[in-house]
Amino acid sequence: MIKRIFTFGFFLLAGYGLHAQINPHAIGLRLGGDGDIGEAEISYQRALGASNRLELDVGFGGNRRENRLYVVGIYQWHWNITSGLNWYVGPGGVIGLYSYDRSDGYISVGLGGQIGMEFDFKSLGAPILLSIDARPMWDFIGDHSGLGWGAALGIRYTW
């Protein structure tokens, strides 16, 4: 655990001077899931400065037995790796409505974060942002409290 914290801290400090230029706005889709349920999110990102932004997502998903509808908010710090390629990390939270077998429903509240990489095609003349990320969240309230996570691919239009 100490080694992971040290490694994370090293990369955080190493990237401190490599801030990326963030698009003022981006909107699109974030597609993924947690392994059991495929999910889709309508995703909006808004720059809060030269190297940080807010991501707000409204998601839905389900399978034969369960359905989800949720809202996620993530604050992100953003760093440039090379021209157009960036990485980001930040804390966030989720609140959702879930149902099982069409009868047993509950509200979920969770805290966690997000880490990912993205490529901004703006340098190539296209207003497209592609990303891949992981989002671990700790669920405090609901049937399945505890740690859960999902990975997703994002595609957004930037302006």
N, C-alpha and C. Protein backbone atom coordinates (compact mmCIF):
# COMPACT_ATOMS: atom_id res chain seq x y z
N MET A 1 0.82 -1.19 0.00
CA MET A 1 0.00 0.00 0.00
C MET A 1 0.87 1.26 0.00
N ILE A 2 1.91 1.27 0.82
CA ILE A 2 2.83 2.42 0.88
C ILE A 2 3.50 2.62 -0.47
N LYS A 3 3.86 1.51 -1.12
CA LYS A 3 4.51 1.60 -2.43
C LYS A 3 3.58 2.23 -3.45
N ARG A 4 2.29 1.88 -3.42
CA ARG A 4 1.32 2.46 -4.35
C ARG A 4 1.15 3.95 -4.12
N ILE A 5 1.08 4.35 -2.86
CA ILE A 5 0.93 5.76 -2.53
C ILE A 5 2.16 6.54 -2.99
N PHE A 6 3.35 5.99 -2.76
CA PHE A 6 4.59 6.63 -3.20
C PHE A 6 4.61 6.77 -4.72
N THR A 7 4.25 5.69 -5.44
CA THR A 7 4.25 5.72 -6.90
C THR A 7 3.27 6.76 -7.42
N PHE A 8 2.06 6.80 -6.85
CA PHE A 8 1.07 7.79 -7.25
C PHE A 8 1.59 9.21 -7.00
N GLY A 9 2.16 9.43 -5.83
CA GLY A 9 2.72 10.74 -5.49
C GLY A 9 3.84 11.16 -6.42
N PHE A 10 4.69 10.21 -6.79
CA PHE A 10 5.79 10.49 -7.71
C PHE A 10 5.26 10.98 -9.05
N PHE A 11 4.30 10.25 -9.62
CA PHE A 11 3.74 10.63 -10.91
C PHE A 11 2.97 11.94 -10.83
N LEU A 12 2.31 12.18 -9.71
CA LEU A 12 1.59 13.43 -9.52
C LEU A 12 2.56 14.61 -9.52
N LEU A 13 3.66 14.49 -8.79
CA LEU A 13 4.65 15.56 -8.74
C LEU A 13 5.42 15.69 -10.05
N ALA A 14 5.72 14.56 -10.69
CA ALA A 14 6.45 14.59 -11.95
C ALA A 14 5.65 15.30 -13.03
N GLY A 15 4.35 15.16 -12.99
CA GLY A 15 3.51 15.78 -13.99
C GLY A 15 3.05 17.17 -13.63
N TYR A 16 3.49 17.70 -12.49
CA TYR A 16 3.00 18.98 -12.00
C TYR A 16 3.22 20.11 -13.00
N GLY A 17 4.36 20.13 -13.66
CA GLY A 17 4.67 21.19 -14.60
C GLY A 17 4.17 20.93 -16.00
N LEU A 18 3.54 19.80 -16.24
CA LEU A 18 3.11 19.42 -17.58
C LEU A 18 1.60 19.55 -17.74
N HIS A 19 1.05 20.69 -17.41
CA HIS A 19 -0.40 20.89 -17.50
C HIS A 19 -0.84 20.90 -18.96
N ALA A 20 -1.96 20.32 -19.21
CA ALA A 20 -2.53 20.31 -20.54
C ALA A 20 -3.49 21.49 -20.69
N GLN A 21 -3.66 21.93 -21.92
CA GLN A 21 -4.66 22.95 -22.20
C GLN A 21 -6.00 22.25 -22.32
N ILE A 22 -6.91 22.55 -21.44
CA ILE A 22 -8.20 21.88 -21.39
C ILE A 22 -9.19 22.60 -22.29
N ASN A 23 -10.02 21.83 -22.99
CA ASN A 23 -11.10 22.41 -23.79
C ASN A 23 -12.10 23.07 -22.85
N PRO A 24 -12.64 24.24 -23.22
CA PRO A 24 -13.63 24.89 -22.35
C PRO A 24 -14.86 24.03 -22.09
N HIS A 25 -15.31 23.29 -23.12
CA HIS A 25 -16.49 22.43 -22.99
C HIS A 25 -16.29 21.17 -23.81
N ALA A 26 -16.88 20.07 -23.35
CA ALA A 26 -16.92 18.82 -24.11
C ALA A 26 -18.19 18.09 -23.71
N ILE A 27 -18.86 17.50 -24.70
CA ILE A 27 -20.07 16.73 -24.43
C ILE A 27 -20.07 15.49 -25.31
N GLY A 28 -20.55 14.39 -24.75
CA GLY A 28 -20.58 13.16 -25.52
C GLY A 28 -21.04 11.99 -24.70
N LEU A 29 -20.47 10.83 -25.01
CA LEU A 29 -20.87 9.58 -24.37
C LEU A 29 -19.68 8.94 -23.68
N ARG A 30 -19.97 8.26 -22.59
CA ARG A 30 -19.01 7.44 -21.86
C ARG A 30 -19.64 6.06 -21.78
N LEU A 31 -19.02 5.07 -22.43
CA LEU A 31 -19.60 3.73 -22.56
C LEU A 31 -18.72 2.70 -21.86
N GLY A 32 -19.32 1.90 -21.00
CA GLY A 32 -18.55 0.89 -20.29
C GLY A 32 -19.43 0.11 -19.35
N GLY A 33 -18.91 -0.16 -18.18
CA GLY A 33 -19.67 -0.91 -17.20
C GLY A 33 -18.78 -1.45 -16.12
N ASP A 34 -19.37 -2.28 -15.27
CA ASP A 34 -18.62 -2.84 -14.15
C ASP A 34 -18.38 -4.33 -14.30
N GLY A 35 -18.56 -4.88 -15.48
CA GLY A 35 -18.36 -6.30 -15.69
C GLY A 35 -19.66 -7.07 -15.73
N ASP A 36 -20.63 -6.70 -14.90
CA ASP A 36 -21.93 -7.37 -14.87
C ASP A 36 -22.98 -6.61 -15.68
N ILE A 37 -22.86 -5.30 -15.70
CA ILE A 37 -23.86 -4.46 -16.33
C ILE A 37 -23.19 -3.52 -17.32
N GLY A 38 -23.69 -3.53 -18.56
CA GLY A 38 -23.24 -2.54 -19.53
C GLY A 38 -23.92 -1.22 -19.23
N GLU A 39 -23.18 -0.13 -19.35
CA GLU A 39 -23.71 1.17 -19.00
C GLU A 39 -23.39 2.19 -20.08
N ALA A 40 -24.20 3.21 -20.15
CA ALA A 40 -23.96 4.36 -21.02
C ALA A 40 -24.19 5.62 -20.20
N GLU A 41 -23.36 6.62 -20.43
CA GLU A 41 -23.49 7.90 -19.73
C GLU A 41 -23.47 9.03 -20.73
N ILE A 42 -24.31 10.01 -20.51
CA ILE A 42 -24.21 11.28 -21.22
C ILE A 42 -23.25 12.11 -20.39
N SER A 43 -22.17 12.53 -20.99
CA SER A 43 -21.06 13.14 -20.25
C SER A 43 -20.82 14.58 -20.70
N TYR A 44 -20.65 15.47 -19.71
CA TYR A 44 -20.32 16.87 -19.98
C TYR A 44 -19.10 17.25 -19.15
N GLN A 45 -18.14 17.90 -19.79
CA GLN A 45 -16.94 18.39 -19.10
C GLN A 45 -16.85 19.90 -19.28
N ARG A 46 -16.49 20.59 -18.19
CA ARG A 46 -16.32 22.04 -18.23
C ARG A 46 -15.00 22.40 -17.56
N ALA A 47 -14.19 23.17 -18.26
CA ALA A 47 -12.91 23.63 -17.72
C ALA A 47 -13.15 24.56 -16.55
N LEU A 48 -12.35 24.41 -15.50
CA LEU A 48 -12.40 25.29 -14.34
C LEU A 48 -11.13 26.12 -14.22
N GLY A 49 -10.20 25.88 -15.10
CA GLY A 49 -8.92 26.56 -15.11
C GLY A 49 -8.07 25.96 -16.22
N ALA A 50 -6.79 26.29 -16.22
CA ALA A 50 -5.90 25.78 -17.25
C ALA A 50 -5.59 24.30 -17.09
N SER A 51 -5.72 23.75 -15.87
CA SER A 51 -5.33 22.35 -15.66
C SER A 51 -6.33 21.55 -14.82
N ASN A 52 -7.56 22.05 -14.68
CA ASN A 52 -8.56 21.26 -13.96
C ASN A 52 -9.94 21.48 -14.58
N ARG A 53 -10.83 20.52 -14.33
CA ARG A 53 -12.17 20.59 -14.91
C ARG A 53 -13.15 19.81 -14.05
N LEU A 54 -14.41 19.99 -14.36
CA LEU A 54 -15.49 19.27 -13.72
C LEU A 54 -16.16 18.39 -14.77
N GLU A 55 -16.38 17.13 -14.43
CA GLU A 55 -17.10 16.21 -15.31
C GLU A 55 -18.40 15.82 -14.63
N LEU A 56 -19.52 15.99 -15.34
CA LEU A 56 -20.84 15.61 -14.85
C LEU A 56 -21.42 14.59 -15.82
N ASP A 57 -21.86 13.46 -15.30
CA ASP A 57 -22.39 12.38 -16.13
C ASP A 57 -23.74 11.93 -15.60
N VAL A 58 -24.66 11.64 -16.51
CA VAL A 58 -25.94 11.01 -16.19
C VAL A 58 -25.89 9.65 -16.87
N GLY A 59 -26.02 8.59 -16.06
CA GLY A 59 -25.86 7.25 -16.60
C GLY A 59 -27.06 6.36 -16.40
N PHE A 60 -27.11 5.34 -17.21
CA PHE A 60 -28.16 4.33 -17.11
C PHE A 60 -27.59 3.02 -17.61
N GLY A 61 -28.13 1.93 -17.12
CA GLY A 61 -27.67 0.62 -17.54
C GLY A 61 -28.54 -0.45 -16.94
N GLY A 62 -28.29 -1.67 -17.35
CA GLY A 62 -29.07 -2.76 -16.80
C GLY A 62 -28.81 -4.07 -17.51
N ASN A 63 -29.43 -5.10 -16.98
CA ASN A 63 -29.43 -6.42 -17.58
C ASN A 63 -30.79 -7.04 -17.26
N ARG A 64 -30.94 -8.33 -17.38
CA ARG A 64 -32.24 -8.97 -17.14
C ARG A 64 -32.78 -8.75 -15.73
N ARG A 65 -31.89 -8.64 -14.76
CA ARG A 65 -32.32 -8.60 -13.36
C ARG A 65 -32.25 -7.23 -12.71
N GLU A 66 -31.42 -6.34 -13.22
CA GLU A 66 -31.27 -5.07 -12.53
C GLU A 66 -31.21 -3.89 -13.49
N ASN A 67 -31.57 -2.72 -12.96
CA ASN A 67 -31.55 -1.47 -13.71
C ASN A 67 -30.91 -0.38 -12.86
N ARG A 68 -30.25 0.56 -13.52
CA ARG A 68 -29.58 1.66 -12.82
C ARG A 68 -29.87 2.99 -13.52
N LEU A 69 -29.99 4.03 -12.73
CA LEU A 69 -30.04 5.41 -13.20
C LEU A 69 -29.27 6.22 -12.16
N TYR A 70 -28.26 6.98 -12.59
CA TYR A 70 -27.39 7.65 -11.61
C TYR A 70 -26.79 8.92 -12.19
N VAL A 71 -26.28 9.76 -11.28
CA VAL A 71 -25.60 11.00 -11.62
C VAL A 71 -24.23 10.97 -10.94
N VAL A 72 -23.19 11.33 -11.69
CA VAL A 72 -21.81 11.32 -11.19
C VAL A 72 -21.20 12.71 -11.37
N GLY A 73 -20.45 13.16 -10.39
CA GLY A 73 -19.68 14.39 -10.49
C GLY A 73 -18.23 14.11 -10.12
N ILE A 74 -17.29 14.52 -10.97
CA ILE A 74 -15.86 14.28 -10.75
C ILE A 74 -15.10 15.59 -10.96
N TYR A 75 -14.24 15.93 -10.01
CA TYR A 75 -13.31 17.05 -10.18
C TYR A 75 -12.00 16.44 -10.66
N GLN A 76 -11.42 16.97 -11.75
CA GLN A 76 -10.22 16.36 -12.34
C GLN A 76 -9.06 17.34 -12.45
N TRP A 77 -7.87 16.82 -12.10
CA TRP A 77 -6.62 17.49 -12.42
C TRP A 77 -6.12 16.86 -13.71
N HIS A 78 -5.49 17.64 -14.56
CA HIS A 78 -5.23 17.25 -15.94
C HIS A 78 -3.77 17.56 -16.29
N TRP A 79 -3.04 16.58 -16.87
CA TRP A 79 -1.64 16.79 -17.26
C TRP A 79 -1.39 16.30 -18.68
N ASN A 80 -0.48 16.97 -19.36
CA ASN A 80 -0.11 16.61 -20.71
C ASN A 80 1.05 15.62 -20.69
N ILE A 81 0.95 14.57 -21.51
CA ILE A 81 2.04 13.61 -21.67
C ILE A 81 2.85 13.99 -22.90
N THR A 82 2.17 14.18 -24.01
CA THR A 82 2.76 14.64 -25.26
C THR A 82 1.66 15.30 -26.07
N SER A 83 1.96 15.87 -27.19
CA SER A 83 0.99 16.62 -27.98
C SER A 83 -0.32 15.86 -28.17
N GLY A 84 -1.39 16.35 -27.53
CA GLY A 84 -2.71 15.75 -27.65
C GLY A 84 -3.01 14.63 -26.67
N LEU A 85 -1.98 14.00 -26.10
CA LEU A 85 -2.18 12.88 -25.17
C LEU A 85 -2.06 13.40 -23.73
N ASN A 86 -3.10 13.17 -22.94
CA ASN A 86 -3.18 13.69 -21.57
C ASN A 86 -3.61 12.59 -20.62
N TRP A 87 -3.36 12.81 -19.34
CA TRP A 87 -3.90 11.93 -18.30
C TRP A 87 -4.53 12.80 -17.23
N TYR A 88 -5.46 12.20 -16.49
CA TYR A 88 -6.20 12.96 -15.49
C TYR A 88 -6.57 12.06 -14.32
N VAL A 89 -6.82 12.69 -13.19
CA VAL A 89 -7.20 11.98 -11.97
C VAL A 89 -7.99 12.95 -11.09
N GLY A 90 -8.91 12.41 -10.30
CA GLY A 90 -9.63 13.28 -9.39
C GLY A 90 -10.70 12.58 -8.58
N PRO A 91 -11.16 13.24 -7.52
CA PRO A 91 -12.19 12.68 -6.64
C PRO A 91 -13.59 13.01 -7.15
N GLY A 92 -14.56 12.23 -6.67
CA GLY A 92 -15.94 12.49 -7.08
C GLY A 92 -16.94 11.70 -6.27
N GLY A 93 -18.18 11.82 -6.68
CA GLY A 93 -19.25 11.13 -5.99
C GLY A 93 -20.35 10.72 -6.96
N VAL A 94 -21.22 9.83 -6.47
CA VAL A 94 -22.32 9.32 -7.28
C VAL A 94 -23.56 9.16 -6.40
N ILE A 95 -24.71 9.42 -6.99
CA ILE A 95 -25.99 9.11 -6.36
C ILE A 95 -26.84 8.43 -7.42
N GLY A 96 -27.49 7.33 -7.03
CA GLY A 96 -28.24 6.58 -8.03
C GLY A 96 -29.47 5.89 -7.50
N LEU A 97 -30.30 5.49 -8.44
CA LEU A 97 -31.49 4.69 -8.16
C LEU A 97 -31.29 3.34 -8.82
N TYR A 98 -31.49 2.28 -8.05
CA TYR A 98 -31.25 0.93 -8.54
C TYR A 98 -32.47 0.06 -8.25
N SER A 99 -32.73 -0.92 -9.11
CA SER A 99 -33.80 -1.88 -8.84
C SER A 99 -33.33 -3.28 -9.25
N TYR A 100 -33.78 -4.28 -8.48
CA TYR A 100 -33.48 -5.69 -8.73
C TYR A 100 -34.77 -6.45 -8.95
N ASP A 101 -34.80 -7.29 -9.95
CA ASP A 101 -35.97 -8.13 -10.25
C ASP A 101 -37.25 -7.32 -10.33
N ARG A 102 -37.15 -6.08 -10.77
CA ARG A 102 -38.29 -5.19 -10.97
C ARG A 102 -39.12 -4.91 -9.71
N SER A 103 -38.60 -5.30 -8.55
CA SER A 103 -39.39 -5.06 -7.34
C SER A 103 -38.57 -4.46 -6.20
N ASP A 104 -37.36 -4.90 -6.02
CA ASP A 104 -36.55 -4.47 -4.88
C ASP A 104 -35.67 -3.30 -5.31
N GLY A 105 -35.98 -2.07 -4.88
CA GLY A 105 -35.22 -0.90 -5.29
C GLY A 105 -34.57 -0.21 -4.11
N TYR A 106 -33.55 0.59 -4.39
CA TYR A 106 -32.88 1.36 -3.35
C TYR A 106 -32.15 2.55 -3.95
N ILE A 107 -31.77 3.47 -3.09
CA ILE A 107 -30.95 4.62 -3.44
C ILE A 107 -29.52 4.31 -3.04
N SER A 108 -28.58 4.73 -3.86
CA SER A 108 -27.16 4.51 -3.60
C SER A 108 -26.43 5.85 -3.54
N VAL A 109 -25.50 5.98 -2.61
CA VAL A 109 -24.64 7.15 -2.50
C VAL A 109 -23.22 6.64 -2.36
N GLY A 110 -22.31 7.15 -3.18
CA GLY A 110 -20.93 6.68 -3.13
C GLY A 110 -19.92 7.79 -3.34
N LEU A 111 -18.70 7.54 -2.88
CA LEU A 111 -17.56 8.44 -3.07
C LEU A 111 -16.42 7.64 -3.67
N GLY A 112 -15.63 8.29 -4.48
CA GLY A 112 -14.48 7.61 -5.09
C GLY A 112 -13.70 8.56 -5.95
N GLY A 113 -13.34 8.10 -7.13
CA GLY A 113 -12.54 8.91 -8.02
C GLY A 113 -12.50 8.35 -9.42
N GLN A 114 -11.63 8.94 -10.21
CA GLN A 114 -11.49 8.54 -11.60
C GLN A 114 -10.05 8.78 -12.02
N ILE A 115 -9.51 7.89 -12.84
CA ILE A 115 -8.18 8.06 -13.42
C ILE A 115 -8.26 7.59 -14.86
N GLY A 116 -7.64 8.35 -15.77
CA GLY A 116 -7.73 7.97 -17.16
C GLY A 116 -6.75 8.69 -18.05
N MET A 117 -6.81 8.31 -19.32
CA MET A 117 -5.99 8.94 -20.37
C MET A 117 -6.93 9.35 -21.49
N GLU A 118 -6.52 10.40 -22.21
CA GLU A 118 -7.34 10.88 -23.32
C GLU A 118 -6.45 11.38 -24.44
N PHE A 119 -7.01 11.38 -25.64
CA PHE A 119 -6.34 11.99 -26.78
C PHE A 119 -7.26 13.05 -27.35
N ASP A 120 -6.73 14.26 -27.45
CA ASP A 120 -7.49 15.40 -27.97
C ASP A 120 -7.09 15.61 -29.43
N PHE A 121 -8.02 15.41 -30.33
CA PHE A 121 -7.75 15.53 -31.76
C PHE A 121 -7.77 16.97 -32.24
N LYS A 122 -7.87 17.94 -31.32
CA LYS A 122 -7.87 19.35 -31.67
C LYS A 122 -6.59 19.73 -32.42
N SER A 123 -5.46 19.14 -32.02
CA SER A 123 -4.20 19.46 -32.69
C SER A 123 -4.18 18.97 -34.14
N LEU A 124 -5.07 18.04 -34.49
CA LEU A 124 -5.18 17.53 -35.85
C LEU A 124 -6.35 18.17 -36.60
N GLY A 125 -6.99 19.16 -35.96
CA GLY A 125 -8.06 19.89 -36.60
C GLY A 125 -9.46 19.31 -36.41
N ALA A 126 -9.62 18.32 -35.54
CA ALA A 126 -10.94 17.73 -35.30
C ALA A 126 -11.38 18.00 -33.86
N PRO A 127 -12.62 18.39 -33.64
CA PRO A 127 -13.10 18.70 -32.28
C PRO A 127 -13.57 17.45 -31.52
N ILE A 128 -12.71 16.44 -31.47
CA ILE A 128 -13.05 15.15 -30.86
C ILE A 128 -12.08 14.85 -29.73
N LEU A 129 -12.60 14.31 -28.64
CA LEU A 129 -11.81 13.90 -27.48
C LEU A 129 -12.14 12.44 -27.19
N LEU A 130 -11.15 11.54 -27.26
CA LEU A 130 -11.32 10.13 -26.94
C LEU A 130 -10.64 9.84 -25.61
N SER A 131 -11.30 9.06 -24.74
CA SER A 131 -10.71 8.77 -23.44
C SER A 131 -10.98 7.32 -23.04
N ILE A 132 -10.14 6.84 -22.15
CA ILE A 132 -10.35 5.55 -21.48
C ILE A 132 -10.01 5.77 -20.01
N ASP A 133 -10.88 5.26 -19.13
CA ASP A 133 -10.67 5.53 -17.71
C ASP A 133 -11.22 4.42 -16.83
N ALA A 134 -10.85 4.49 -15.57
CA ALA A 134 -11.39 3.61 -14.53
C ALA A 134 -11.96 4.51 -13.43
N ARG A 135 -13.05 4.04 -12.81
CA ARG A 135 -13.73 4.84 -11.81
C ARG A 135 -14.09 3.97 -10.60
N PRO A 136 -13.20 3.85 -9.63
CA PRO A 136 -13.56 3.13 -8.40
C PRO A 136 -14.44 4.01 -7.51
N MET A 137 -15.48 3.40 -6.93
CA MET A 137 -16.39 4.11 -6.04
C MET A 137 -16.74 3.24 -4.84
N TRP A 138 -16.81 3.85 -3.69
CA TRP A 138 -17.21 3.16 -2.47
C TRP A 138 -18.67 3.53 -2.20
N ASP A 139 -19.55 2.53 -2.26
CA ASP A 139 -20.98 2.71 -2.05
C ASP A 139 -21.28 2.64 -0.56
N PHE A 140 -21.87 3.71 0.00
CA PHE A 140 -22.16 3.78 1.43
C PHE A 140 -23.57 3.32 1.78
N ILE A 141 -24.50 3.52 0.87
CA ILE A 141 -25.89 3.23 1.15
C ILE A 141 -26.43 2.33 0.05
N GLY A 142 -27.19 1.31 0.42
CA GLY A 142 -27.82 0.45 -0.58
C GLY A 142 -27.57 -1.02 -0.31
N ASP A 143 -28.11 -1.85 -1.17
CA ASP A 143 -27.99 -3.30 -1.02
C ASP A 143 -26.56 -3.81 -1.13
N HIS A 144 -25.79 -3.21 -2.02
CA HIS A 144 -24.44 -3.71 -2.29
C HIS A 144 -23.40 -2.67 -1.88
N SER A 145 -23.36 -2.34 -0.60
CA SER A 145 -22.38 -1.36 -0.15
C SER A 145 -20.98 -1.97 -0.21
N GLY A 146 -20.01 -1.10 -0.39
CA GLY A 146 -18.62 -1.53 -0.51
C GLY A 146 -18.00 -0.98 -1.79
N LEU A 147 -16.81 -1.46 -2.09
CA LEU A 147 -16.05 -0.97 -3.24
C LEU A 147 -16.52 -1.62 -4.53
N GLY A 148 -16.74 -0.79 -5.52
CA GLY A 148 -17.06 -1.25 -6.86
C GLY A 148 -16.34 -0.35 -7.84
N TRP A 149 -16.21 -0.78 -9.07
CA TRP A 149 -15.55 0.06 -10.05
C TRP A 149 -16.01 -0.33 -11.45
N GLY A 150 -15.77 0.55 -12.37
CA GLY A 150 -16.07 0.31 -13.77
C GLY A 150 -15.05 1.01 -14.64
N ALA A 151 -14.90 0.52 -15.85
CA ALA A 151 -14.02 1.13 -16.84
C ALA A 151 -14.86 1.54 -18.03
N ALA A 152 -14.42 2.57 -18.75
CA ALA A 152 -15.23 3.07 -19.85
C ALA A 152 -14.38 3.72 -20.93
N LEU A 153 -14.96 3.78 -22.11
CA LEU A 153 -14.42 4.49 -23.26
C LEU A 153 -15.30 5.70 -23.49
N GLY A 154 -14.70 6.87 -23.64
CA GLY A 154 -15.46 8.09 -23.85
C GLY A 154 -15.17 8.70 -25.21
N ILE A 155 -16.19 9.26 -25.80
CA ILE A 155 -16.04 10.04 -27.03
C ILE A 155 -16.87 11.30 -26.87
N ARG A 156 -16.21 12.47 -27.03
CA ARG A 156 -16.87 13.74 -26.78
C ARG A 156 -16.55 14.74 -27.88
N TYR A 157 -17.51 15.62 -28.14
CA TYR A 157 -17.33 16.75 -29.03
C TYR A 157 -16.86 17.94 -28.19
N THR A 158 -15.84 18.66 -28.66
CA THR A 158 -15.28 19.78 -27.89
C THR A 158 -15.54 21.11 -28.58
N TRP A 159 -15.69 22.14 -27.75
CA TRP A 159 -15.80 23.50 -28.29
C TRP A 159 -15.30 24.49 -27.27
